[in-house]
Amino acid sequence: MSNKLLLAASIFAISFTLANNAAASCDGPYLAVRGGVANHSLGDKDENVATDKKLDVDDNSTMLSGAIGYRWGYFRVEAEYVWRKDAEDSSIKVTQGIRKAYVTQRSAEFSSESYMANVYWDISPYTMFTPYLSAGLGMTSLEYTFKNTGLPTVKYEEDNFTWSVGGGLSAQVTTRFNIDVGYRYYDMGELADGAIHNHEVYGGMRYVF
Protein backbone atom coordinates (compact mmCIF):
# COMPACT_ATOMS: atom_id res chain seq x y z
CA MET A 1 0.00 0.00 0.00
CA SER A 2 2.79 2.37 0.93
CA ASN A 3 4.51 1.61 -2.36
CA LYS A 4 1.38 2.61 -4.28
CA LEU A 5 1.09 5.85 -2.33
CA LEU A 6 4.74 6.58 -2.96
CA LEU A 7 4.29 5.90 -6.69
CA ALA A 8 1.20 8.16 -6.87
CA ALA A 9 3.00 10.93 -5.01
CA SER A 10 5.98 10.62 -7.35
CA ILE A 11 3.76 10.81 -10.45
CA PHE A 12 1.99 13.86 -9.06
CA ALA A 13 5.29 15.60 -8.26
CA ILE A 14 6.70 14.89 -11.72
CA SER A 15 3.51 16.09 -13.43
CA PHE A 16 3.47 19.27 -11.34
CA THR A 17 7.11 19.96 -12.17
CA LEU A 18 6.56 19.41 -15.89
CA ALA A 19 3.51 21.68 -15.86
CA ASN A 20 5.45 24.42 -14.11
CA ASN A 21 8.34 24.05 -16.54
CA ALA A 22 5.95 24.26 -19.50
CA ALA A 23 4.33 27.37 -18.08
CA ALA A 24 7.69 28.98 -17.33
CA SER A 25 8.83 28.34 -20.89
CA CYS A 26 5.97 30.59 -22.06
CA ASP A 27 7.30 33.52 -20.03
CA GLY A 28 10.15 35.88 -20.80
CA PRO A 29 11.13 38.54 -23.34
CA TYR A 30 9.45 38.41 -26.73
CA LEU A 31 9.33 40.05 -30.15
CA ALA A 32 6.05 40.68 -31.96
CA VAL A 33 5.04 41.78 -35.45
CA ARG A 34 1.53 42.77 -36.48
CA GLY A 35 -0.26 43.82 -39.62
CA GLY A 36 -3.81 44.77 -40.50
CA VAL A 37 -6.22 47.49 -41.49
CA ALA A 38 -6.53 50.98 -39.97
CA ASN A 39 -9.50 53.30 -40.40
CA HIS A 40 -9.18 56.91 -39.27
CA SER A 41 -11.96 59.31 -38.40
CA LEU A 42 -11.07 63.00 -38.73
CA GLY A 43 -13.99 64.34 -36.72
CA ASP A 44 -17.10 66.16 -37.91
CA LYS A 45 -16.53 67.24 -41.52
CA ASP A 46 -19.14 69.96 -41.18
CA GLU A 47 -17.29 71.73 -38.38
CA ASN A 48 -13.56 71.14 -38.09
CA VAL A 49 -11.01 73.11 -40.07
CA ALA A 50 -9.01 70.08 -41.20
CA THR A 51 -11.80 68.53 -43.25
CA ASP A 52 -14.53 71.14 -43.78
CA LYS A 53 -15.52 71.21 -47.46
CA LYS A 54 -12.35 69.38 -48.36
CA LEU A 55 -11.79 65.71 -48.97
CA ASP A 56 -12.57 62.35 -47.39
CA VAL A 57 -9.37 60.62 -46.22
CA ASP A 58 -11.16 58.21 -43.87
CA ASP A 59 -10.65 55.17 -46.13
CA ASN A 60 -9.01 51.99 -44.88
CA SER A 61 -5.21 51.88 -44.94
CA THR A 62 -2.55 49.29 -44.18
CA MET A 63 -0.91 49.19 -40.73
CA LEU A 64 2.29 47.40 -39.70
CA SER A 65 3.94 47.33 -36.30
CA GLY A 66 6.85 45.86 -34.38
CA ALA A 67 7.12 45.43 -30.61
CA ILE A 68 9.50 44.19 -27.95
CA GLY A 69 8.01 43.06 -24.66
CA TYR A 70 8.03 40.78 -21.66
CA ARG A 71 5.46 38.19 -20.65
CA TRP A 72 4.96 37.03 -17.08
CA GLY A 73 1.96 34.96 -16.07
CA TYR A 74 -1.27 36.69 -16.95
CA PHE A 75 0.37 39.91 -18.11
CA ARG A 76 2.46 41.27 -20.96
CA VAL A 77 4.10 44.69 -21.26
CA GLU A 78 5.68 46.02 -24.44
CA ALA A 79 6.97 49.00 -26.41
CA GLU A 80 5.50 49.20 -29.93
CA TYR A 81 5.99 51.28 -33.07
CA VAL A 82 2.96 51.47 -35.40
CA TRP A 83 3.27 52.58 -39.03
CA ARG A 84 0.21 53.32 -41.17
CA LYS A 85 0.09 53.89 -44.90
CA ASP A 86 -0.94 57.43 -45.88
CA ALA A 87 -4.63 57.89 -46.66
CA GLU A 88 -5.20 59.96 -49.80
CA ASP A 89 -8.09 61.43 -51.77
CA SER A 90 -8.47 63.81 -54.70
CA SER A 91 -11.15 65.44 -56.80
CA ILE A 92 -11.44 67.52 -59.96
CA LYS A 93 -14.04 70.25 -60.33
CA VAL A 94 -14.89 71.77 -63.71
CA THR A 95 -16.55 75.21 -63.71
CA GLN A 96 -17.89 76.47 -67.04
CA GLY A 97 -17.00 80.12 -67.66
CA ILE A 98 -18.22 82.46 -70.41
CA ARG A 99 -15.38 81.60 -72.80
CA LYS A 100 -13.73 78.54 -71.27
CA ALA A 101 -13.99 75.96 -68.55
CA TYR A 102 -11.93 76.28 -65.38
CA VAL A 103 -10.51 73.11 -63.88
CA THR A 104 -9.75 72.95 -60.18
CA GLN A 105 -7.94 69.95 -58.74
CA ARG A 106 -7.87 69.25 -55.02
CA SER A 107 -5.90 66.60 -53.16
CA ALA A 108 -5.48 65.64 -49.52
CA GLU A 109 -3.11 63.34 -47.69
CA PHE A 110 -3.28 62.17 -44.07
CA SER A 111 -0.61 60.22 -42.19
CA SER A 112 -0.08 58.93 -38.67
CA GLU A 113 2.52 56.88 -36.81
CA SER A 114 2.39 55.92 -33.15
CA TYR A 115 4.86 55.09 -30.39
CA MET A 116 3.05 53.13 -27.69
CA ALA A 117 3.60 51.45 -24.31
CA ASN A 118 1.07 48.61 -24.06
CA VAL A 119 -0.20 46.29 -21.32
CA TYR A 120 -2.03 43.02 -22.05
CA TRP A 121 -4.04 40.76 -19.76
CA ASP A 122 -4.18 37.14 -20.94
CA ILE A 123 -7.36 35.82 -19.35
CA SER A 124 -6.38 32.12 -19.48
CA PRO A 125 -2.62 31.90 -20.03
CA TYR A 126 -0.79 28.65 -20.86
CA THR A 127 -3.80 27.28 -22.73
CA MET A 128 -4.11 26.63 -26.46
CA PHE A 129 -6.47 29.59 -26.91
CA THR A 130 -6.79 32.60 -24.65
CA PRO A 131 -8.75 35.84 -25.01
CA TYR A 132 -6.93 38.99 -23.96
CA LEU A 133 -7.54 42.67 -23.23
CA SER A 134 -5.13 45.50 -23.98
CA ALA A 135 -4.52 49.15 -23.09
CA GLY A 136 -1.85 51.56 -24.22
CA LEU A 137 -0.43 55.05 -23.75
CA GLY A 138 1.91 56.90 -26.09
CA MET A 139 2.33 59.54 -28.76
CA THR A 140 1.16 59.85 -32.36
CA SER A 141 2.66 62.06 -35.08
CA LEU A 142 -0.16 63.41 -37.27
CA GLU A 143 0.08 65.22 -40.59
CA TYR A 144 -2.67 66.47 -42.90
CA THR A 145 -1.76 68.16 -46.21
CA PHE A 146 -4.31 69.84 -48.47
CA LYS A 147 -3.65 71.19 -51.97
CA ASN A 148 -5.97 73.24 -54.14
CA THR A 149 -5.15 74.52 -57.63
CA GLY A 150 -4.08 78.16 -57.49
CA LEU A 151 -3.96 78.30 -53.69
CA PRO A 152 -1.09 77.79 -51.21
CA THR A 153 -0.63 74.29 -49.78
CA VAL A 154 -2.10 73.94 -46.29
CA LYS A 155 -0.39 71.57 -43.85
CA TYR A 156 -1.34 70.68 -40.29
CA GLU A 157 1.12 68.80 -38.05
CA GLU A 158 0.83 67.68 -34.43
CA ASP A 159 2.50 65.25 -32.01
CA ASN A 160 -0.37 64.22 -29.76
CA PHE A 161 -0.82 62.18 -26.59
CA THR A 162 -2.57 58.94 -27.54
CA TRP A 163 -4.40 56.20 -25.66
CA SER A 164 -5.78 52.89 -26.88
CA VAL A 165 -7.95 50.01 -25.69
CA GLY A 166 -8.66 46.69 -27.34
CA GLY A 167 -8.92 42.95 -27.15
CA GLY A 168 -8.45 39.77 -29.11
CA LEU A 169 -7.68 36.07 -29.14
CA SER A 170 -4.29 34.38 -28.96
CA ALA A 171 -3.53 30.87 -30.25
CA GLN A 172 -0.55 28.93 -28.89
CA VAL A 173 1.27 27.14 -31.71
CA THR A 174 4.11 26.07 -29.40
CA THR A 175 5.00 27.10 -25.84
CA ARG A 176 7.06 29.95 -27.32
CA PHE A 177 5.24 30.86 -30.55
CA ASN A 178 1.79 32.53 -30.57
CA ILE A 179 -0.55 33.90 -33.22
CA ASP A 180 -2.80 36.83 -32.28
CA VAL A 181 -5.88 38.43 -33.84
CA GLY A 182 -7.39 41.54 -32.32
CA TYR A 183 -8.98 44.98 -32.46
CA ARG A 184 -7.80 48.33 -31.07
CA TYR A 185 -9.40 51.75 -30.72
CA TYR A 186 -7.15 54.82 -30.61
CA ASP A 187 -7.86 58.35 -29.42
CA MET A 188 -5.21 60.55 -31.04
CA GLY A 189 -6.23 63.98 -29.76
CA GLU A 190 -7.03 66.87 -32.10
CA LEU A 191 -5.65 68.22 -35.35
CA ALA A 192 -6.83 71.66 -36.53
CA ASP A 193 -9.84 71.49 -34.19
CA GLY A 194 -10.85 68.06 -35.46
CA ALA A 195 -10.87 65.00 -33.15
CA ILE A 196 -8.77 62.16 -34.58
CA HIS A 197 -9.78 58.56 -33.87
CA ASN A 198 -8.59 55.28 -35.32
CA HIS A 199 -9.94 51.72 -35.46
CA GLU A 200 -7.57 48.86 -36.21
CA VAL A 201 -8.10 45.18 -36.91
CA TYR A 202 -4.88 43.15 -36.97
CA GLY A 203 -3.20 39.78 -36.96
CA GLY A 204 0.24 39.12 -35.56
CA MET A 205 2.90 36.72 -34.36
CA ARG A 206 4.87 36.62 -31.07
CA TYR A 207 7.93 34.63 -30.16
CA VAL A 208 9.18 34.26 -26.57
CA PHE A 209 12.95 33.85 -26.17
C-alpha atoms as a PDB file:
ATOM      1  CA  MET A   1       0.000   0.000   0.000  1.00  0.00           C
ATOM      2  CA  SER A   2       2.790   2.375   0.932  1.00  0.00           C
ATOM      3  CA  ASN A   3       4.514   1.608  -2.364  1.00  0.00           C
ATOM      4  CA  LYS A   4       1.381   2.608  -4.281  1.00  0.00           C
ATOM      5  CA  LEU A   5       1.087   5.845  -2.326  1.00  0.00           C
ATOM      6  CA  LEU A   6       4.740   6.577  -2.959  1.00  0.00           C
ATOM      7  CA  LEU A   7       4.286   5.902  -6.686  1.00  0.00           C
ATOM      8  CA  ALA A   8       1.203   8.156  -6.866  1.00  0.00           C
ATOM      9  CA  ALA A   9       2.997  10.933  -5.012  1.00  0.00           C
ATOM     10  CA  SER A  10       5.982  10.620  -7.350  1.00  0.00           C
ATOM     11  CA  ILE A  11       3.764  10.808 -10.451  1.00  0.00           C
ATOM     12  CA  PHE A  12       1.990  13.865  -9.057  1.00  0.00           C
ATOM     13  CA  ALA A  13       5.286  15.601  -8.257  1.00  0.00           C
ATOM     14  CA  ILE A  14       6.699  14.890 -11.715  1.00  0.00           C
ATOM     15  CA  SER A  15       3.514  16.087 -13.427  1.00  0.00           C
ATOM     16  CA  PHE A  16       3.467  19.266 -11.337  1.00  0.00           C
ATOM     17  CA  THR A  17       7.109  19.964 -12.167  1.00  0.00           C
ATOM     18  CA  LEU A  18       6.562  19.411 -15.889  1.00  0.00           C
ATOM     19  CA  ALA A  19       3.514  21.676 -15.863  1.00  0.00           C
ATOM     20  CA  ASN A  20       5.452  24.419 -14.107  1.00  0.00           C
ATOM     21  CA  ASN A  21       8.337  24.050 -16.540  1.00  0.00           C
ATOM     22  CA  ALA A  22       5.951  24.258 -19.503  1.00  0.00           C
ATOM     23  CA  ALA A  23       4.329  27.374 -18.077  1.00  0.00           C
ATOM     24  CA  ALA A  24       7.690  28.977 -17.330  1.00  0.00           C
ATOM     25  CA  SER A  25       8.833  28.341 -20.891  1.00  0.00           C
ATOM     26  CA  CYS A  26       5.969  30.590 -22.059  1.00  0.00           C
ATOM     27  CA  ASP A  27       7.303  33.517 -20.026  1.00  0.00           C
ATOM     28  CA  GLY A  28      10.152  35.881 -20.803  1.00  0.00           C
ATOM     29  CA  PRO A  29      11.125  38.537 -23.336  1.00  0.00           C
ATOM     30  CA  TYR A  30       9.452  38.415 -26.732  1.00  0.00           C
ATOM     31  CA  LEU A  31       9.328  40.048 -30.149  1.00  0.00           C
ATOM     32  CA  ALA A  32       6.049  40.683 -31.963  1.00  0.00           C
ATOM     33  CA  VAL A  33       5.041  41.776 -35.454  1.00  0.00           C
ATOM     34  CA  ARG A  34       1.532  42.769 -36.481  1.00  0.00           C
ATOM     35  CA  GLY A  35      -0.264  43.824 -39.625  1.00  0.00           C
ATOM     36  CA  GLY A  36      -3.810  44.768 -40.498  1.00  0.00           C
ATOM     37  CA  VAL A  37      -6.221  47.494 -41.487  1.00  0.00           C
ATOM     38  CA  ALA A  38      -6.534  50.980 -39.972  1.00  0.00           C
ATOM     39  CA  ASN A  39      -9.504  53.298 -40.401  1.00  0.00           C
ATOM     40  CA  HIS A  40      -9.180  56.909 -39.270  1.00  0.00           C
ATOM     41  CA  SER A  41     -11.958  59.308 -38.397  1.00  0.00           C
ATOM     42  CA  LEU A  42     -11.067  62.997 -38.727  1.00  0.00           C
ATOM     43  CA  GLY A  43     -13.992  64.341 -36.719  1.00  0.00           C
ATOM     44  CA  ASP A  44     -17.098  66.157 -37.912  1.00  0.00           C
ATOM     45  CA  LYS A  45     -16.530  67.241 -41.517  1.00  0.00           C
ATOM     46  CA  ASP A  46     -19.143  69.964 -41.177  1.00  0.00           C
ATOM     47  CA  GLU A  47     -17.288  71.734 -38.376  1.00  0.00           C
ATOM     48  CA  ASN A  48     -13.562  71.144 -38.095  1.00  0.00           C
ATOM     49  CA  VAL A  49     -11.007  73.111 -40.075  1.00  0.00           C
ATOM     50  CA  ALA A  50      -9.008  70.084 -41.204  1.00  0.00           C
ATOM     51  CA  THR A  51     -11.796  68.526 -43.250  1.00  0.00           C
ATOM     52  CA  ASP A  52     -14.532  71.135 -43.779  1.00  0.00           C
ATOM     53  CA  LYS A  53     -15.521  71.207 -47.455  1.00  0.00           C
ATOM     54  CA  LYS A  54     -12.347  69.378 -48.363  1.00  0.00           C
ATOM     55  CA  LEU A  55     -11.792  65.705 -48.969  1.00  0.00           C
ATOM     56  CA  ASP A  56     -12.565  62.346 -47.393  1.00  0.00           C
ATOM     57  CA  VAL A  57      -9.373  60.616 -46.220  1.00  0.00           C
ATOM     58  CA  ASP A  58     -11.160  58.206 -43.874  1.00  0.00           C
ATOM     59  CA  ASP A  59     -10.646  55.174 -46.133  1.00  0.00           C
ATOM     60  CA  ASN A  60      -9.005  51.989 -44.875  1.00  0.00           C
ATOM     61  CA  SER A  61      -5.213  51.884 -44.939  1.00  0.00           C
ATOM     62  CA  THR A  62      -2.549  49.292 -44.184  1.00  0.00           C
ATOM     63  CA  MET A  63      -0.906  49.185 -40.733  1.00  0.00           C
ATOM     64  CA  LEU A  64       2.286  47.403 -39.697  1.00  0.00           C
ATOM     65  CA  SER A  65       3.944  47.328 -36.300  1.00  0.00           C
ATOM     66  CA  GLY A  66       6.850  45.858 -34.383  1.00  0.00           C
ATOM     67  CA  ALA A  67       7.120  45.432 -30.612  1.00  0.00           C
ATOM     68  CA  ILE A  68       9.497  44.190 -27.953  1.00  0.00           C
ATOM     69  CA  GLY A  69       8.014  43.062 -24.664  1.00  0.00           C
ATOM     70  CA  TYR A  70       8.032  40.785 -21.663  1.00  0.00           C
ATOM     71  CA  ARG A  71       5.460  38.186 -20.651  1.00  0.00           C
ATOM     72  CA  TRP A  72       4.958  37.033 -17.081  1.00  0.00           C
ATOM     73  CA  GLY A  73       1.957  34.962 -16.074  1.00  0.00           C
ATOM     74  CA  TYR A  74      -1.268  36.686 -16.950  1.00  0.00           C
ATOM     75  CA  PHE A  75       0.372  39.907 -18.108  1.00  0.00           C
ATOM     76  CA  ARG A  76       2.458  41.266 -20.959  1.00  0.00           C
ATOM     77  CA  VAL A  77       4.103  44.686 -21.264  1.00  0.00           C
ATOM     78  CA  GLU A  78       5.677  46.020 -24.440  1.00  0.00           C
ATOM     79  CA  ALA A  79       6.970  48.999 -26.415  1.00  0.00           C
ATOM     80  CA  GLU A  80       5.504  49.200 -29.926  1.00  0.00           C
ATOM     81  CA  TYR A  81       5.992  51.276 -33.070  1.00  0.00           C
ATOM     82  CA  VAL A  82       2.963  51.466 -35.403  1.00  0.00           C
ATOM     83  CA  TRP A  83       3.266  52.582 -39.027  1.00  0.00           C
ATOM     84  CA  ARG A  84       0.214  53.317 -41.168  1.00  0.00           C
ATOM     85  CA  LYS A  85       0.086  53.893 -44.896  1.00  0.00           C
ATOM     86  CA  ASP A  86      -0.941  57.428 -45.876  1.00  0.00           C
ATOM     87  CA  ALA A  87      -4.628  57.895 -46.656  1.00  0.00           C
ATOM     88  CA  GLU A  88      -5.204  59.958 -49.801  1.00  0.00           C
ATOM     89  CA  ASP A  89      -8.091  61.435 -51.770  1.00  0.00           C
ATOM     90  CA  SER A  90      -8.470  63.814 -54.696  1.00  0.00           C
ATOM     91  CA  SER A  91     -11.148  65.439 -56.799  1.00  0.00           C
ATOM     92  CA  ILE A  92     -11.444  67.522 -59.963  1.00  0.00           C
ATOM     93  CA  LYS A  93     -14.039  70.248 -60.326  1.00  0.00           C
ATOM     94  CA  VAL A  94     -14.886  71.770 -63.708  1.00  0.00           C
ATOM     95  CA  THR A  95     -16.547  75.212 -63.714  1.00  0.00           C
ATOM     96  CA  GLN A  96     -17.887  76.472 -67.036  1.00  0.00           C
ATOM     97  CA  GLY A  97     -17.004  80.118 -67.664  1.00  0.00           C
ATOM     98  CA  ILE A  98     -18.217  82.458 -70.407  1.00  0.00           C
ATOM     99  CA  ARG A  99     -15.380  81.601 -72.805  1.00  0.00           C
ATOM    100  CA  LYS A 100     -13.729  78.539 -71.266  1.00  0.00           C
ATOM    101  CA  ALA A 101     -13.988  75.959 -68.552  1.00  0.00           C
ATOM    102  CA  TYR A 102     -11.929  76.276 -65.382  1.00  0.00           C
ATOM    103  CA  VAL A 103     -10.515  73.105 -63.879  1.00  0.00           C
ATOM    104  CA  THR A 104      -9.751  72.946 -60.177  1.00  0.00           C
ATOM    105  CA  GLN A 105      -7.940  69.949 -58.743  1.00  0.00           C
ATOM    106  CA  ARG A 106      -7.874  69.255 -55.019  1.00  0.00           C
ATOM    107  CA  SER A 107      -5.903  66.598 -53.156  1.00  0.00           C
ATOM    108  CA  ALA A 108      -5.483  65.639 -49.521  1.00  0.00           C
ATOM    109  CA  GLU A 109      -3.112  63.337 -47.687  1.00  0.00           C
ATOM    110  CA  PHE A 110      -3.284  62.170 -44.068  1.00  0.00           C
ATOM    111  CA  SER A 111      -0.610  60.219 -42.192  1.00  0.00           C
ATOM    112  CA  SER A 112      -0.076  58.933 -38.666  1.00  0.00           C
ATOM    113  CA  GLU A 113       2.522  56.875 -36.808  1.00  0.00           C
ATOM    114  CA  SER A 114       2.386  55.916 -33.151  1.00  0.00           C
ATOM    115  CA  TYR A 115       4.859  55.087 -30.388  1.00  0.00           C
ATOM    116  CA  MET A 116       3.050  53.126 -27.686  1.00  0.00           C
ATOM    117  CA  ALA A 117       3.598  51.451 -24.309  1.00  0.00           C
ATOM    118  CA  ASN A 118       1.075  48.613 -24.061  1.00  0.00           C
ATOM    119  CA  VAL A 119      -0.203  46.292 -21.322  1.00  0.00           C
ATOM    120  CA  TYR A 120      -2.029  43.018 -22.050  1.00  0.00           C
ATOM    121  CA  TRP A 121      -4.041  40.761 -19.762  1.00  0.00           C
ATOM    122  CA  ASP A 122      -4.184  37.137 -20.936  1.00  0.00           C
ATOM    123  CA  ILE A 123      -7.358  35.823 -19.345  1.00  0.00           C
ATOM    124  CA  SER A 124      -6.381  32.122 -19.482  1.00  0.00           C
ATOM    125  CA  PRO A 125      -2.619  31.900 -20.034  1.00  0.00           C
ATOM    126  CA  TYR A 126      -0.795  28.651 -20.860  1.00  0.00           C
ATOM    127  CA  THR A 127      -3.803  27.278 -22.733  1.00  0.00           C
ATOM    128  CA  MET A 128      -4.108  26.628 -26.464  1.00  0.00           C
ATOM    129  CA  PHE A 129      -6.472  29.592 -26.914  1.00  0.00           C
ATOM    130  CA  THR A 130      -6.788  32.600 -24.648  1.00  0.00           C
ATOM    131  CA  PRO A 131      -8.755  35.837 -25.012  1.00  0.00           C
ATOM    132  CA  TYR A 132      -6.934  38.988 -23.960  1.00  0.00           C
ATOM    133  CA  LEU A 133      -7.543  42.671 -23.226  1.00  0.00           C
ATOM    134  CA  SER A 134      -5.127  45.503 -23.978  1.00  0.00           C
ATOM    135  CA  ALA A 135      -4.524  49.146 -23.093  1.00  0.00           C
ATOM    136  CA  GLY A 136      -1.848  51.558 -24.223  1.00  0.00           C
ATOM    137  CA  LEU A 137      -0.432  55.055 -23.750  1.00  0.00           C
ATOM    138  CA  GLY A 138       1.911  56.901 -26.086  1.00  0.00           C
ATOM    139  CA  MET A 139       2.333  59.544 -28.757  1.00  0.00           C
ATOM    140  CA  THR A 140       1.160  59.853 -32.362  1.00  0.00           C
ATOM    141  CA  SER A 141       2.655  62.061 -35.075  1.00  0.00           C
ATOM    142  CA  LEU A 142      -0.158  63.406 -37.267  1.00  0.00           C
ATOM    143  CA  GLU A 143       0.078  65.223 -40.587  1.00  0.00           C
ATOM    144  CA  TYR A 144      -2.667  66.469 -42.898  1.00  0.00           C
ATOM    145  CA  THR A 145      -1.762  68.158 -46.210  1.00  0.00           C
ATOM    146  CA  PHE A 146      -4.314  69.836 -48.473  1.00  0.00           C
ATOM    147  CA  LYS A 147      -3.648  71.193 -51.975  1.00  0.00           C
ATOM    148  CA  ASN A 148      -5.973  73.242 -54.143  1.00  0.00           C
ATOM    149  CA  THR A 149      -5.149  74.524 -57.628  1.00  0.00           C
ATOM    150  CA  GLY A 150      -4.084  78.162 -57.494  1.00  0.00           C
ATOM    151  CA  LEU A 151      -3.957  78.296 -53.691  1.00  0.00           C
ATOM    152  CA  PRO A 152      -1.094  77.788 -51.210  1.00  0.00           C
ATOM    153  CA  THR A 153      -0.626  74.288 -49.782  1.00  0.00           C
ATOM    154  CA  VAL A 154      -2.103  73.935 -46.293  1.00  0.00           C
ATOM    155  CA  LYS A 155      -0.390  71.572 -43.851  1.00  0.00           C
ATOM    156  CA  TYR A 156      -1.341  70.676 -40.286  1.00  0.00           C
ATOM    157  CA  GLU A 157       1.125  68.802 -38.046  1.00  0.00           C
ATOM    158  CA  GLU A 158       0.832  67.677 -34.425  1.00  0.00           C
ATOM    159  CA  ASP A 159       2.504  65.246 -32.015  1.00  0.00           C
ATOM    160  CA  ASN A 160      -0.366  64.218 -29.756  1.00  0.00           C
ATOM    161  CA  PHE A 161      -0.823  62.184 -26.589  1.00  0.00           C
ATOM    162  CA  THR A 162      -2.572  58.935 -27.545  1.00  0.00           C
ATOM    163  CA  TRP A 163      -4.400  56.201 -25.657  1.00  0.00           C
ATOM    164  CA  SER A 164      -5.783  52.894 -26.882  1.00  0.00           C
ATOM    165  CA  VAL A 165      -7.951  50.010 -25.691  1.00  0.00           C
ATOM    166  CA  GLY A 166      -8.658  46.687 -27.343  1.00  0.00           C
ATOM    167  CA  GLY A 167      -8.923  42.946 -27.150  1.00  0.00           C
ATOM    168  CA  GLY A 168      -8.448  39.775 -29.107  1.00  0.00           C
ATOM    169  CA  LEU A 169      -7.677  36.073 -29.141  1.00  0.00           C
ATOM    170  CA  SER A 170      -4.285  34.382 -28.959  1.00  0.00           C
ATOM    171  CA  ALA A 171      -3.528  30.867 -30.249  1.00  0.00           C
ATOM    172  CA  GLN A 172      -0.553  28.926 -28.886  1.00  0.00           C
ATOM    173  CA  VAL A 173       1.275  27.136 -31.705  1.00  0.00           C
ATOM    174  CA  THR A 174       4.110  26.074 -29.401  1.00  0.00           C
ATOM    175  CA  THR A 175       4.996  27.099 -25.844  1.00  0.00           C
ATOM    176  CA  ARG A 176       7.056  29.951 -27.318  1.00  0.00           C
ATOM    177  CA  PHE A 177       5.243  30.856 -30.546  1.00  0.00           C
ATOM    178  CA  ASN A 178       1.792  32.528 -30.569  1.00  0.00           C
ATOM    179  CA  ILE A 179      -0.554  33.896 -33.218  1.00  0.00           C
ATOM    180  CA  ASP A 180      -2.797  36.832 -32.279  1.00  0.00           C
ATOM    181  CA  VAL A 181      -5.876  38.430 -33.840  1.00  0.00           C
ATOM    182  CA  GLY A 182      -7.386  41.543 -32.318  1.00  0.00           C
ATOM    183  CA  TYR A 183      -8.979  44.977 -32.456  1.00  0.00           C
ATOM    184  CA  ARG A 184      -7.801  48.329 -31.067  1.00  0.00           C
ATOM    185  CA  TYR A 185      -9.400  51.746 -30.720  1.00  0.00           C
ATOM    186  CA  TYR A 186      -7.149  54.823 -30.607  1.00  0.00           C
ATOM    187  CA  ASP A 187      -7.862  58.350 -29.424  1.00  0.00           C
ATOM    188  CA  MET A 188      -5.208  60.554 -31.041  1.00  0.00           C
ATOM    189  CA  GLY A 189      -6.226  63.976 -29.765  1.00  0.00           C
ATOM    190  CA  GLU A 190      -7.034  66.866 -32.097  1.00  0.00           C
ATOM    191  CA  LEU A 191      -5.649  68.219 -35.347  1.00  0.00           C
ATOM    192  CA  ALA A 192      -6.829  71.656 -36.529  1.00  0.00           C
ATOM    193  CA  ASP A 193      -9.842  71.487 -34.187  1.00  0.00           C
ATOM    194  CA  GLY A 194     -10.855  68.055 -35.456  1.00  0.00           C
ATOM    195  CA  ALA A 195     -10.866  65.002 -33.151  1.00  0.00           C
ATOM    196  CA  ILE A 196      -8.765  62.161 -34.582  1.00  0.00           C
ATOM    197  CA  HIS A 197      -9.783  58.557 -33.870  1.00  0.00           C
ATOM    198  CA  ASN A 198      -8.592  55.275 -35.319  1.00  0.00           C
ATOM    199  CA  HIS A 199      -9.938  51.724 -35.461  1.00  0.00           C
ATOM    200  CA  GLU A 200      -7.570  48.860 -36.206  1.00  0.00           C
ATOM    201  CA  VAL A 201      -8.099  45.176 -36.909  1.00  0.00           C
ATOM    202  CA  TYR A 202      -4.884  43.152 -36.967  1.00  0.00           C
ATOM    203  CA  GLY A 203      -3.205  39.785 -36.961  1.00  0.00           C
ATOM    204  CA  GLY A 204       0.237  39.117 -35.560  1.00  0.00           C
ATOM    205  CA  MET A 205       2.904  36.722 -34.356  1.00  0.00           C
ATOM    206  CA  ARG A 206       4.871  36.619 -31.072  1.00  0.00           C
ATOM    207  CA  TYR A 207       7.932  34.626 -30.157  1.00  0.00           C
ATOM    208  CA  VAL A 208       9.180  34.259 -26.575  1.00  0.00           C
ATOM    209  CA  PHE A 209      12.948  33.845 -26.174  1.00  0.00           C
END
